[in-house]
Amino acid sequence: MSNGAFAIALVLGAALLALWADVRFPREGLKMQRIVGHSIAALAVLYVIPGSVGSPVAAMVTVFALVLPALVYLCLSAVWFVRLTQASLGSSAR
């Protein structure tokens, strides 16, 4: 598997995990400021992750222990933003 295909699969997997987490553990009453705060926190975690590590094992640990949870958190905050936008437009999503 090429690096690009792995990156796409990782992001799609993170998005699916975020959708599952939103359905399984719904959050009600989130405000725009809190959603933006969650997004900034997820981006900060992604920013501080090291770009390169020494061994392939360390690279996989970094990807699955740091990058994947941060991507799930970022996608989850995007889902919350979409839900908040739907609610403010009067859509009956839930």
C-alpha atoms as a PDB file:
ATOM      1  CA  MET A   1       0.000   0.000   0.000  1.00  0.00           C
ATOM      2  CA  SER A   2       1.388   3.377  -0.933  1.00  0.00           C
ATOM      3  CA  ASN A   3       1.706   6.238   1.533  1.00  0.00           C
ATOM      4  CA  GLY A   4      -1.066   8.198  -0.170  1.00  0.00           C
ATOM      5  CA  ALA A   5      -3.502   5.284  -0.082  1.00  0.00           C
ATOM      6  CA  PHE A   6      -2.668   4.691   3.583  1.00  0.00           C
ATOM      7  CA  ALA A   7      -3.282   8.362   4.404  1.00  0.00           C
ATOM      8  CA  ILE A   8      -6.663   8.298   2.647  1.00  0.00           C
ATOM      9  CA  ALA A   9      -7.640   5.081   4.435  1.00  0.00           C
ATOM     10  CA  LEU A  10      -6.535   6.573   7.767  1.00  0.00           C
ATOM     11  CA  VAL A  11      -8.649   9.708   7.314  1.00  0.00           C
ATOM     12  CA  LEU A  12     -11.677   7.730   6.108  1.00  0.00           C
ATOM     13  CA  GLY A  13     -11.339   5.388   9.064  1.00  0.00           C
ATOM     14  CA  ALA A  14     -11.094   8.342  11.434  1.00  0.00           C
ATOM     15  CA  ALA A  15     -14.228   9.871   9.900  1.00  0.00           C
ATOM     16  CA  LEU A  16     -16.138   6.608  10.301  1.00  0.00           C
ATOM     17  CA  LEU A  17     -15.000   6.297  13.911  1.00  0.00           C
ATOM     18  CA  ALA A  18     -16.099   9.899  14.542  1.00  0.00           C
ATOM     19  CA  LEU A  19     -19.541   9.218  13.070  1.00  0.00           C
ATOM     20  CA  TRP A  20     -19.850   6.088  15.196  1.00  0.00           C
ATOM     21  CA  ALA A  21     -18.823   7.999  18.332  1.00  0.00           C
ATOM     22  CA  ASP A  22     -21.379  10.721  17.595  1.00  0.00           C
ATOM     23  CA  VAL A  23     -24.190   8.193  17.174  1.00  0.00           C
ATOM     24  CA  ARG A  24     -23.122   6.062  20.142  1.00  0.00           C
ATOM     25  CA  PHE A  25     -22.419   8.941  22.557  1.00  0.00           C
ATOM     26  CA  PRO A  26     -24.520  11.928  21.425  1.00  0.00           C
ATOM     27  CA  ARG A  27     -23.613  15.349  22.797  1.00  0.00           C
ATOM     28  CA  GLU A  28     -26.418  17.842  23.193  1.00  0.00           C
ATOM     29  CA  GLY A  29     -26.139  21.534  23.924  1.00  0.00           C
ATOM     30  CA  LEU A  30     -22.746  22.216  22.364  1.00  0.00           C
ATOM     31  CA  LYS A  31     -22.166  25.859  21.552  1.00  0.00           C
ATOM     32  CA  MET A  32     -20.091  27.262  18.711  1.00  0.00           C
ATOM     33  CA  GLN A  33     -17.328  28.426  21.071  1.00  0.00           C
ATOM     34  CA  ARG A  34     -16.907  24.941  22.522  1.00  0.00           C
ATOM     35  CA  ILE A  35     -16.853  23.325  19.075  1.00  0.00           C
ATOM     36  CA  VAL A  36     -14.190  25.771  17.898  1.00  0.00           C
ATOM     37  CA  GLY A  37     -12.230  25.056  21.094  1.00  0.00           C
ATOM     38  CA  HIS A  38     -12.397  21.314  20.430  1.00  0.00           C
ATOM     39  CA  SER A  39     -11.252  21.883  16.832  1.00  0.00           C
ATOM     40  CA  ILE A  40      -8.315  24.004  17.957  1.00  0.00           C
ATOM     41  CA  ALA A  41      -7.334  21.373  20.530  1.00  0.00           C
ATOM     42  CA  ALA A  42      -7.386  18.626  17.877  1.00  0.00           C
ATOM     43  CA  LEU A  43      -5.313  20.732  15.489  1.00  0.00           C
ATOM     44  CA  ALA A  44      -2.838  21.508  18.289  1.00  0.00           C
ATOM     45  CA  VAL A  45      -2.381  17.798  18.947  1.00  0.00           C
ATOM     46  CA  LEU A  46      -1.793  17.185  15.237  1.00  0.00           C
ATOM     47  CA  TYR A  47       0.680  20.064  15.158  1.00  0.00           C
ATOM     48  CA  VAL A  48       2.898  18.723  17.960  1.00  0.00           C
ATOM     49  CA  ILE A  49       3.123  15.167  16.597  1.00  0.00           C
ATOM     50  CA  PRO A  50       6.668  14.515  15.340  1.00  0.00           C
ATOM     51  CA  GLY A  51       7.037  14.390  11.569  1.00  0.00           C
ATOM     52  CA  SER A  52       9.531  11.577  11.421  1.00  0.00           C
ATOM     53  CA  VAL A  53      10.597   8.859  13.803  1.00  0.00           C
ATOM     54  CA  GLY A  54      13.472   6.426  13.671  1.00  0.00           C
ATOM     55  CA  SER A  55      12.053   2.973  13.165  1.00  0.00           C
ATOM     56  CA  PRO A  56       9.007   1.603  11.344  1.00  0.00           C
ATOM     57  CA  VAL A  57       7.617   0.291  14.624  1.00  0.00           C
ATOM     58  CA  ALA A  58       7.838   3.743  16.202  1.00  0.00           C
ATOM     59  CA  ALA A  59       6.175   5.198  13.105  1.00  0.00           C
ATOM     60  CA  MET A  60       3.218   2.817  13.401  1.00  0.00           C
ATOM     61  CA  VAL A  61       2.898   3.510  17.117  1.00  0.00           C
ATOM     62  CA  THR A  62       2.899   7.243  16.388  1.00  0.00           C
ATOM     63  CA  VAL A  63       0.267   6.867  13.683  1.00  0.00           C
ATOM     64  CA  PHE A  64      -2.120   4.680  15.648  1.00  0.00           C
ATOM     65  CA  ALA A  65      -1.545   6.132  19.129  1.00  0.00           C
ATOM     66  CA  LEU A  66      -1.373   9.843  18.267  1.00  0.00           C
ATOM     67  CA  VAL A  67      -2.451  10.645  14.708  1.00  0.00           C
ATOM     68  CA  LEU A  68      -5.567   8.472  14.523  1.00  0.00           C
ATOM     69  CA  PRO A  69      -7.115   9.716  17.807  1.00  0.00           C
ATOM     70  CA  ALA A  70      -6.369  13.331  16.855  1.00  0.00           C
ATOM     71  CA  LEU A  71      -8.002  12.834  13.442  1.00  0.00           C
ATOM     72  CA  VAL A  72     -11.037  11.206  15.056  1.00  0.00           C
ATOM     73  CA  TYR A  73     -11.300  14.166  17.455  1.00  0.00           C
ATOM     74  CA  LEU A  74     -11.048  16.630  14.575  1.00  0.00           C
ATOM     75  CA  CYS A  75     -13.671  14.782  12.518  1.00  0.00           C
ATOM     76  CA  LEU A  76     -15.920  14.549  15.566  1.00  0.00           C
ATOM     77  CA  SER A  77     -15.760  18.300  16.063  1.00  0.00           C
ATOM     78  CA  ALA A  78     -16.650  18.698  12.374  1.00  0.00           C
ATOM     79  CA  VAL A  79     -19.696  16.451  12.894  1.00  0.00           C
ATOM     80  CA  TRP A  80     -20.696  18.575  15.886  1.00  0.00           C
ATOM     81  CA  PHE A  81     -20.359  21.711  13.759  1.00  0.00           C
ATOM     82  CA  VAL A  82     -22.599  20.229  11.043  1.00  0.00           C
ATOM     83  CA  ARG A  83     -25.197  19.230  13.643  1.00  0.00           C
ATOM     84  CA  LEU A  84     -25.113  22.701  15.200  1.00  0.00           C
ATOM     85  CA  THR A  85     -25.491  24.289  11.760  1.00  0.00           C
ATOM     86  CA  GLN A  86     -28.439  22.024  10.938  1.00  0.00           C
ATOM     87  CA  ALA A  87     -30.095  22.853  14.241  1.00  0.00           C
ATOM     88  CA  SER A  88     -29.633  26.594  13.754  1.00  0.00           C
ATOM     89  CA  LEU A  89     -31.151  26.400  10.247  1.00  0.00           C
ATOM     90  CA  GLY A  90     -34.193  24.621  11.600  1.00  0.00           C
ATOM     91  CA  SER A  91     -33.428  21.256  10.044  1.00  0.00           C
ATOM     92  CA  SER A  92     -34.887  18.193  11.746  1.00  0.00           C
ATOM     93  CA  ALA A  93     -31.749  16.049  11.666  1.00  0.00           C
ATOM     94  CA  ARG A  94     -32.511  14.387  15.031  1.00  0.00           C
END
